[in-house]
Each structure stands twice: as C-alpha cells, then as structure tokens.
Amino acid sequence: MNLKKAADYKIKSKQLAISPFIYSTPSISAASIKLLVLLSLQALMLIFAGSYKSFIVVVSAVMGACAAAALSYLFYKKEHYQIMNLAIQGLMIGLLIPADYPPVPVFFITLFTLFFSRFLIFKSVNSWLNMTAFVVLVCWIIGRNYFPSFLLTSDLIPLRNSSVYLIQNGSFPIYSFDSTITSFLNSTVFALFKVSIPEGFVSLLWDSGNAIPAFRFTILTIISSILIFSDNTASGLIPVIFLLVYALLVRFFSPMIFGGMFNQGDIILALSSSGILFCTVFLIQWYGTIPVTRVGRVVLAFCLGITAFLIVGCGTSPIGMMYTILINNIITLFIRSFEEKKNQKNISKVVAKHPFKSETGVQA
C-alpha cells in the first residue's frame, strides 16, 4: 500500500457513519415537500371543481411571494427563503382569499406585505408573526367586500342542527352522489350506534362550495392531517387540544348565548366552515410561532380554542381564524418570555451547584 492510499484509508477510517441511527421526525425539507404536495392538491381540486377564478388567485399569491423573494435578493444579495417555503406560503395565502378577489391586487399585496414586513422589519425567514395570516388580513382590510358574509345568524345558532337548515336552504350544495353514500353509511356504520345523518352532510364535507377555497374540501384537509401528524411531521398536541376546547365550547355554550338550550351546538358546521381544520393543519404551528416547552404549547392550545370561540363563533366566519392566529402569536411572545426566564433560572441553579474551573484551574 503506497503512502497516498494509506492516507486515504486513514481518513476514511475516521469518518463517522449514521447508519445505526434513524430520524425520529422528518427533516425540514421532507416536511416542506409534504406540505407543498398537500397544498398543491387543494389547488388542483379547484381545477377539478371548475373553480378557475380561485385557481388564478392562488397562482397570483404564489407569484407575489416569489417576487418578494426576488426583490429581497436584489437588495441583500442573499436568499432569505427556501423556494419550497415560498411556494407553501403563497399557496396558503391564495387558498384563504375568495375567488372574486382581483388577482392583480392579490399579487401586489402579497409582494409588498411579505417584502416590507418580513425582509425589512423582521429580517428573518421565520418571525414570531404568522405572515400568511397577516397577508390575508391585509387583503380583508383592503377588499372586505370580496369576502363572504356570515351565514349563521342569531336566530339560527340556537337550533340543534343549524347546518341542516343551511343545507336545506341552499346555502350549501348537495351533490348527486350524496344520497347514495348517506344511505349506505346510515344502513351500515351509523346503524350500529342507532343514529343517522341527514342528506347533505357528505356534500358539506366533500365540497362546501365556499367562496374561500381553504374552507371547501374538508375531507381532503382531514386526509392531509392524517398524513402530516402520522409520521411526526408536526406535533399533534396543539391541534388536538385546540380542536377539543373549541368544539366543546361550541357544543355546550354557543346556543345558550342566544337563548338556546345547553349542549345543542352544531360541531360539524363549526369545524367544516371558517377554515378551522385548514388553519389547524397548515397554519397554527408555522415555524417560529409556537412555544418551545410542552406546558407552553398546552397553554397556547387552550388560548387558541377560547379565542376562536370568541371570534369565529359557531362557524361560517370568513376571517375569524386570521385574527385568532395573530392574537395568539402575541400571546406566544409572553409564553416564550416566561419560558426563557425559567430556563435562565434552571441554568443558574445548575451553575451554582456545579461550578466549573477554567483551563488555568481558576474557578469560574
């Protein structure tokens, strides 16, 4: 063996292999790819459903996000975003904006809001403020008339099944396959529990026909949640507690506020409208916007549930979840402040119990 080969062998023998180890969670790039694919399916469903205006709005938002990154590169000569995260945020923004919103304003609002807020103010890839919710809120403030109004009124909320009334009233479409699937489910699955579902619920979960795309395809969002949380792509702690708190508040207390009976709230309507499930899966745990500790995340989840109940109410709110997310971004700042103070106290206790010495032997 010559000297060169011996040296190469020596170097290779000192390299560490990762073969005995496995990733407990997917990498950031793998998680981003999964989010990108799942959000793209939501956008493709718009084409399948013939909602071309909505699809154009989504494309405009994606182009605006990419333009913001390009403009930032011209100023700073460095990349602030990975291209996948850009596409993800653009897709989420577009899916949360109504179909009738003009595409050109969507492009420029996305471009300038992302550029000035993220690149000039926060100057980081992931800030404490959820920029998707912030951009959608700006669109709401500028073009409120393009967003749909509340479908639920004070006289409908006390009803035991307000969603049934809205379905029968034509607020939600009923598709041709609904009756067949409903009959099958009632005669097989629900018959075991001696209950049945009315016609129209399957259509509501398949495609509610809402003007905001993110509110439409509930079944697709549920499938996305299974794929995201099943392999630890995202923690399920905050989503589960948030949905549980919100659903219980809607079920037990929402009818009583308007003179109805206790324990009569319509959970199905609440969860299948207002983008509750979409925001739970894709928005509320965006990078940098949640606490670090388990206790902090539990506190945030409760705050999210209570805030959503107070702002979104029993469903059909066009913008309530954006306010909910941004308010809880501020709450997260306070939670993180307590986390940091507690962490500093723990470090001080450890240092006090185990003082260390420097290389010169002097105690630090």
Protein backbone atom coordinates (compact mmCIF):
# COMPACT_ATOMS: atom_id res chain seq x y z
CA MET A 1 0.00 0.00 0.00
CA ASN A 2 1.56 3.34 -1.06
CA LEU A 3 1.53 6.47 1.11
CA LYS A 4 -1.40 8.10 -0.70
CA LYS A 5 -3.63 5.05 -0.36
CA ALA A 6 -2.62 4.67 3.27
CA ALA A 7 -3.53 8.30 3.95
CA ASP A 8 -6.90 7.91 2.21
CA TYR A 9 -7.61 4.77 4.22
CA LYS A 10 -6.72 6.56 7.45
CA ILE A 11 -9.09 9.44 6.66
CA LYS A 12 -11.96 7.12 5.72
CA SER A 13 -11.47 5.05 8.86
CA LYS A 14 -12.04 8.17 10.99
CA GLN A 15 -15.28 9.18 9.30
CA LEU A 16 -18.45 8.67 11.32
CA ALA A 17 -21.35 6.75 9.83
CA ILE A 18 -25.00 7.46 10.71
CA SER A 19 -26.23 4.02 9.67
CA PRO A 20 -27.07 2.86 13.25
CA PHE A 21 -29.34 5.91 13.69
CA ILE A 22 -32.72 6.88 12.28
CA TYR A 23 -34.59 10.17 12.17
CA SER A 24 -37.36 10.37 14.79
CA THR A 25 -39.03 13.13 12.75
CA PRO A 26 -38.82 14.02 9.04
CA SER A 27 -36.27 16.64 8.05
CA ILE A 28 -37.40 20.22 7.35
CA SER A 29 -37.02 19.70 3.61
CA ALA A 30 -39.05 16.47 3.70
CA ALA A 31 -41.77 18.17 5.76
CA SER A 32 -41.80 21.11 3.32
CA ILE A 33 -42.17 18.80 0.34
CA LYS A 34 -45.11 17.07 2.01
CA LEU A 35 -46.82 20.39 2.79
CA LEU A 36 -46.20 21.59 -0.76
CA VAL A 37 -47.75 18.45 -2.25
CA LEU A 38 -50.79 18.50 0.03
CA LEU A 39 -51.46 22.20 -0.59
CA SER A 40 -50.99 21.67 -4.32
CA LEU A 41 -53.72 19.02 -4.19
CA GLN A 42 -56.04 21.61 -2.66
CA ALA A 43 -55.24 23.95 -5.57
CA LEU A 44 -55.69 21.19 -8.16
CA MET A 45 -59.09 20.37 -6.68
CA LEU A 46 -60.14 23.87 -7.75
CA ILE A 47 -59.47 22.92 -11.37
CA PHE A 48 -61.29 19.62 -10.90
CA ALA A 49 -64.28 21.52 -9.47
CA GLY A 50 -64.18 24.07 -12.29
CA SER A 51 -63.25 26.97 -9.97
CA TYR A 52 -60.75 28.56 -12.33
CA LYS A 53 -61.07 32.03 -10.80
CA SER A 54 -59.95 30.66 -7.44
CA PHE A 55 -57.03 28.86 -9.06
CA ILE A 56 -55.89 32.11 -10.71
CA VAL A 57 -56.00 33.86 -7.32
CA VAL A 58 -53.82 31.09 -5.85
CA VAL A 59 -51.31 31.42 -8.70
CA SER A 60 -51.22 35.20 -8.19
CA ALA A 61 -50.41 34.78 -4.50
CA VAL A 62 -47.62 32.30 -5.27
CA MET A 63 -46.15 34.66 -7.85
CA GLY A 64 -46.33 37.53 -5.35
CA ALA A 65 -44.44 35.52 -2.74
CA CYS A 66 -41.75 34.55 -5.25
CA ALA A 67 -41.47 38.18 -6.40
CA ALA A 68 -40.93 39.26 -2.78
CA ALA A 69 -38.00 36.85 -2.52
CA ALA A 70 -36.54 38.06 -5.83
CA LEU A 71 -36.83 41.70 -4.72
CA SER A 72 -35.15 40.86 -1.43
CA TYR A 73 -32.30 39.17 -3.28
CA LEU A 74 -31.72 42.33 -5.32
CA PHE A 75 -31.36 44.35 -2.12
CA TYR A 76 -29.45 41.94 0.12
CA LYS A 77 -27.73 39.63 -2.39
CA LYS A 78 -28.66 36.61 -0.31
CA GLU A 79 -31.59 34.24 -0.12
CA HIS A 80 -34.00 34.72 2.76
CA TYR A 81 -36.31 31.87 1.79
CA GLN A 82 -36.10 28.39 0.52
CA ILE A 83 -38.13 28.09 -2.65
CA MET A 84 -40.41 25.44 -1.11
CA ASN A 85 -41.33 27.65 1.84
CA LEU A 86 -42.09 30.45 -0.61
CA ALA A 87 -44.44 28.22 -2.56
CA ILE A 88 -46.07 26.94 0.64
CA GLN A 89 -46.83 30.41 1.95
CA GLY A 90 -48.04 31.60 -1.43
CA LEU A 91 -50.36 28.60 -1.73
CA MET A 92 -51.80 29.12 1.74
CA ILE A 93 -52.39 32.82 1.11
CA GLY A 94 -54.13 32.14 -2.20
CA LEU A 95 -56.31 29.39 -0.74
CA LEU A 96 -57.51 31.74 2.03
CA ILE A 97 -58.61 34.51 -0.36
CA PRO A 98 -62.05 34.48 -2.07
CA ALA A 99 -62.43 33.61 -5.73
CA ASP A 100 -63.83 37.03 -6.67
CA TYR A 101 -60.82 38.91 -5.30
CA PRO A 102 -58.96 40.52 -8.25
CA PRO A 103 -55.70 38.61 -8.95
CA VAL A 104 -53.59 41.74 -9.57
CA PRO A 105 -54.18 43.23 -6.08
CA VAL A 106 -53.54 39.78 -4.58
CA PHE A 107 -50.14 39.72 -6.32
CA PHE A 108 -49.10 43.18 -5.13
CA ILE A 109 -50.48 42.83 -1.60
CA THR A 110 -48.61 39.55 -1.19
CA LEU A 111 -45.45 41.02 -2.73
CA PHE A 112 -45.24 44.24 -0.71
CA THR A 113 -46.61 42.87 2.57
CA LEU A 114 -44.11 40.00 2.61
CA PHE A 115 -41.25 42.21 1.50
CA PHE A 116 -41.73 45.10 3.92
CA SER A 117 -42.78 43.05 6.93
CA ARG A 118 -40.50 40.07 6.62
CA PHE A 119 -37.42 41.42 4.90
CA LEU A 120 -37.27 45.00 6.21
CA ILE A 121 -38.81 44.69 9.68
CA PHE A 122 -38.21 41.14 10.89
CA LYS A 123 -35.31 40.33 8.55
CA SER A 124 -35.57 36.59 9.12
CA VAL A 125 -37.06 33.60 7.41
CA ASN A 126 -39.42 32.72 10.24
CA SER A 127 -40.70 35.51 12.51
CA TRP A 128 -42.98 35.30 15.54
CA LEU A 129 -45.82 36.66 13.38
CA ASN A 130 -47.63 34.28 11.04
CA MET A 131 -47.14 36.10 7.74
CA THR A 132 -49.77 34.04 5.90
CA ALA A 133 -52.48 35.19 8.30
CA PHE A 134 -51.11 38.74 8.19
CA VAL A 135 -51.24 38.96 4.37
CA VAL A 136 -54.79 37.56 4.28
CA LEU A 137 -55.83 40.08 6.93
CA VAL A 138 -54.39 42.92 4.82
CA CYS A 139 -56.42 41.62 1.86
CA TRP A 140 -59.50 41.61 4.09
CA ILE A 141 -58.93 45.22 5.21
CA ILE A 142 -58.35 46.46 1.65
CA GLY A 143 -61.10 44.45 -0.07
CA ARG A 144 -63.59 43.43 2.61
CA ASN A 145 -66.47 43.45 0.13
CA TYR A 146 -64.93 40.50 -1.75
CA PHE A 147 -65.13 38.23 1.31
CA PRO A 148 -68.33 36.29 2.03
CA SER A 149 -70.51 37.25 4.97
CA PHE A 150 -71.59 35.17 7.97
CA LEU A 151 -74.18 32.55 7.05
CA LEU A 152 -75.15 31.97 10.65
CA THR A 153 -77.49 34.47 12.21
CA SER A 154 -78.54 34.86 15.83
CA ASP A 155 -81.84 33.06 15.16
CA LEU A 156 -80.08 30.02 13.63
CA ILE A 157 -77.45 29.44 16.32
CA PRO A 158 -79.94 28.19 18.99
CA LEU A 159 -81.16 25.49 16.58
CA ARG A 160 -79.95 21.99 17.35
CA ASN A 161 -78.70 21.35 13.79
CA SER A 162 -78.21 24.73 12.17
CA SER A 163 -76.15 23.10 9.41
CA VAL A 164 -79.22 21.10 8.29
CA TYR A 165 -81.21 24.30 7.94
CA LEU A 166 -78.43 25.91 5.86
CA ILE A 167 -78.23 22.81 3.64
CA GLN A 168 -81.98 22.74 3.09
CA ASN A 169 -81.97 26.49 2.50
CA GLY A 170 -79.48 26.06 -0.35
CA SER A 171 -76.53 27.75 1.40
CA PHE A 172 -74.50 24.58 0.80
CA PRO A 173 -74.78 22.48 -2.37
CA ILE A 174 -75.99 18.87 -2.42
CA TYR A 175 -74.29 16.64 -4.99
CA SER A 176 -75.84 13.73 -6.85
CA PHE A 177 -73.77 11.09 -5.06
CA ASP A 178 -74.82 12.36 -1.62
CA SER A 179 -77.99 10.32 -1.17
CA THR A 180 -76.31 7.04 -2.17
CA ILE A 181 -73.38 7.47 0.22
CA THR A 182 -75.63 8.77 3.02
CA SER A 183 -77.96 5.77 2.73
CA PHE A 184 -75.02 3.37 2.77
CA LEU A 185 -73.47 4.98 5.86
CA ASN A 186 -76.79 5.11 7.73
CA SER A 187 -77.57 1.46 7.00
CA THR A 188 -74.11 0.15 7.91
CA VAL A 189 -71.89 2.32 10.12
CA PHE A 190 -74.35 4.60 11.91
CA ALA A 191 -76.94 1.86 12.33
CA LEU A 192 -74.63 0.26 14.87
CA PHE A 193 -74.99 3.34 17.07
CA LYS A 194 -78.71 3.76 16.31
CA VAL A 195 -78.19 7.20 14.75
CA SER A 196 -78.34 8.59 11.24
CA ILE A 197 -77.05 11.59 9.32
CA PRO A 198 -79.27 13.75 7.12
CA GLU A 199 -78.73 14.16 3.42
CA GLY A 200 -76.28 16.94 2.62
CA PHE A 201 -73.59 16.24 5.23
CA VAL A 202 -71.49 14.22 2.79
CA SER A 203 -71.63 17.08 0.29
CA LEU A 204 -70.70 19.56 3.01
CA LEU A 205 -67.57 17.57 3.84
CA TRP A 206 -66.70 16.90 0.19
CA ASP A 207 -67.06 20.45 -1.14
CA SER A 208 -68.99 23.14 0.71
CA GLY A 209 -68.82 25.45 -2.31
CA ASN A 210 -67.50 28.31 -0.19
CA ALA A 211 -66.00 31.31 -1.99
CA ILE A 212 -62.79 30.77 0.02
CA PRO A 213 -61.02 27.62 -1.30
CA ALA A 214 -59.46 26.66 2.04
CA PHE A 215 -62.96 26.29 3.50
CA ARG A 216 -64.21 23.93 0.81
CA PHE A 217 -62.58 20.49 0.75
CA THR A 218 -62.93 19.27 4.34
CA ILE A 219 -62.34 15.59 3.56
CA LEU A 220 -59.11 16.43 1.72
CA THR A 221 -57.98 18.52 4.71
CA ILE A 222 -58.73 15.63 7.08
CA ILE A 223 -56.67 13.26 4.91
CA SER A 224 -53.86 15.82 4.88
CA SER A 225 -53.93 15.99 8.67
CA ILE A 226 -53.53 12.21 8.92
CA LEU A 227 -50.52 12.28 6.60
CA ILE A 228 -48.90 15.21 8.43
CA PHE A 229 -49.37 14.04 12.02
CA SER A 230 -48.93 10.30 11.49
CA ASP A 231 -45.14 10.49 10.95
CA ASN A 232 -44.43 13.39 13.36
CA THR A 233 -44.08 15.94 10.58
CA ALA A 234 -45.79 18.24 13.09
CA SER A 235 -46.76 17.78 16.72
CA GLY A 236 -50.37 16.88 17.31
CA LEU A 237 -50.50 18.33 20.83
CA ILE A 238 -51.63 21.86 19.96
CA PRO A 239 -54.11 20.83 17.21
CA VAL A 240 -55.82 18.17 19.34
CA ILE A 241 -56.24 20.38 22.40
CA PHE A 242 -57.27 23.39 20.31
CA LEU A 243 -59.98 21.48 18.41
CA LEU A 244 -61.21 19.80 21.59
CA VAL A 245 -61.53 23.09 23.51
CA TYR A 246 -63.17 24.88 20.59
CA ALA A 247 -65.58 22.02 19.82
CA LEU A 248 -66.66 21.67 23.46
CA LEU A 249 -67.28 25.40 23.80
CA VAL A 250 -69.35 25.38 20.60
CA ARG A 251 -71.29 22.30 21.66
CA PHE A 252 -72.13 23.31 25.22
CA PHE A 253 -72.26 27.10 25.34
CA SER A 254 -72.86 28.65 21.90
CA PRO A 255 -76.66 28.11 21.80
CA MET A 256 -77.08 29.44 25.36
CA ILE A 257 -75.62 32.82 24.38
CA PHE A 258 -78.57 33.38 22.03
CA GLY A 259 -81.28 31.89 24.22
CA GLY A 260 -80.93 28.26 23.15
CA MET A 261 -80.50 25.11 25.20
CA PHE A 262 -77.32 23.79 26.79
CA ASN A 263 -75.40 21.11 24.84
CA GLN A 264 -77.07 21.79 21.47
CA GLY A 265 -74.24 23.43 19.44
CA ASP A 266 -73.52 22.25 15.88
CA ILE A 267 -69.92 20.98 15.95
CA ILE A 268 -69.96 19.70 12.36
CA LEU A 269 -70.82 23.11 10.99
CA ALA A 270 -68.26 24.81 13.22
CA LEU A 271 -65.42 22.53 12.13
CA SER A 272 -66.32 22.36 8.44
CA SER A 273 -66.56 26.12 7.92
CA SER A 274 -64.42 29.18 8.72
CA GLY A 275 -61.27 27.27 7.74
CA ILE A 276 -60.90 25.83 11.25
CA LEU A 277 -59.48 22.49 10.09
CA PHE A 278 -57.34 24.02 7.33
CA CYS A 279 -55.74 26.50 9.73
CA THR A 280 -55.26 23.76 12.33
CA VAL A 281 -53.37 21.58 9.87
CA PHE A 282 -51.32 24.16 7.97
CA LEU A 283 -51.13 27.48 9.87
CA ILE A 284 -51.23 27.46 13.66
CA GLN A 285 -47.89 25.64 14.03
CA TRP A 286 -45.91 27.55 11.43
CA TYR A 287 -42.18 27.71 12.17
CA GLY A 288 -41.28 30.18 14.92
CA THR A 289 -44.85 30.94 16.03
CA ILE A 290 -45.35 28.41 18.87
CA PRO A 291 -43.80 27.95 22.33
CA VAL A 292 -40.88 25.63 22.95
CA THR A 293 -41.98 23.73 26.06
CA ARG A 294 -44.84 21.26 26.35
CA VAL A 295 -46.53 23.33 29.06
CA GLY A 296 -46.29 26.44 26.89
CA ARG A 297 -47.87 24.61 23.96
CA VAL A 298 -50.74 23.36 26.11
CA VAL A 299 -51.39 26.90 27.33
CA LEU A 300 -51.32 28.20 23.75
CA ALA A 301 -53.73 25.49 22.60
CA PHE A 302 -56.25 26.49 25.27
CA CYS A 303 -55.85 30.16 24.33
CA LEU A 304 -56.40 29.28 20.66
CA GLY A 305 -59.59 27.38 21.46
CA ILE A 306 -61.04 30.14 23.62
CA THR A 307 -60.05 32.91 21.17
CA ALA A 308 -61.50 31.01 18.21
CA PHE A 309 -64.80 30.56 20.08
CA LEU A 310 -64.98 34.27 20.91
CA ILE A 311 -64.03 35.48 17.39
CA VAL A 312 -65.05 32.75 14.95
CA GLY A 313 -68.07 31.72 16.97
CA CYS A 314 -70.07 28.77 15.68
CA GLY A 315 -68.72 28.85 12.14
CA THR A 316 -69.06 30.49 8.70
CA SER A 317 -66.68 33.34 9.65
CA PRO A 318 -64.65 34.50 6.61
CA ILE A 319 -61.69 35.99 8.50
CA GLY A 320 -62.04 35.00 12.17
CA MET A 321 -59.23 32.44 12.15
CA MET A 322 -56.74 35.02 10.85
CA TYR A 323 -57.47 37.26 13.85
CA THR A 324 -57.30 34.21 16.13
CA ILE A 325 -53.87 33.19 14.84
CA LEU A 326 -52.38 36.70 15.01
CA ILE A 327 -53.70 37.35 18.53
CA ASN A 328 -52.19 34.08 19.70
CA ASN A 329 -48.88 34.97 18.03
CA ILE A 330 -48.76 37.85 20.54
CA ILE A 331 -49.73 35.50 23.38
CA THR A 332 -46.88 33.23 22.31
CA LEU A 333 -44.42 36.09 22.88
CA PHE A 334 -45.46 36.27 26.54
CA ILE A 335 -45.30 32.49 26.90
CA ARG A 336 -41.80 32.46 25.42
CA SER A 337 -40.75 35.22 27.80
CA PHE A 338 -41.74 33.05 30.76
CA GLU A 339 -40.01 30.06 29.15
CA GLU A 340 -36.76 31.99 28.77
CA LYS A 341 -36.86 33.28 32.35
CA LYS A 342 -37.48 29.77 33.66
CA ASN A 343 -34.67 28.41 31.51
CA GLN A 344 -32.26 31.05 32.82
CA LYS A 345 -33.20 30.19 36.42
CA ASN A 346 -32.55 26.50 35.76
CA ILE A 347 -29.15 27.29 34.26
CA SER A 348 -28.25 29.48 37.25
CA LYS A 349 -29.18 26.67 39.65
CA VAL A 350 -27.04 24.16 37.76
CA VAL A 351 -24.06 26.52 37.66
CA ALA A 352 -24.43 27.25 41.39
CA LYS A 353 -24.46 23.55 42.26
CA HIS A 354 -21.69 22.55 39.83
CA PRO A 355 -19.16 25.42 39.44
CA PHE A 356 -16.56 24.63 36.79
CA LYS A 357 -12.90 25.54 36.53
CA SER A 358 -11.12 27.09 33.60
CA GLU A 359 -8.08 25.54 31.96
CA THR A 360 -5.84 27.59 34.29
CA GLY A 361 -7.50 25.99 37.30
CA VAL A 362 -9.31 29.12 38.42
CA GLN A 363 -12.89 28.50 39.49
CA ALA A 364 -15.41 30.32 37.35
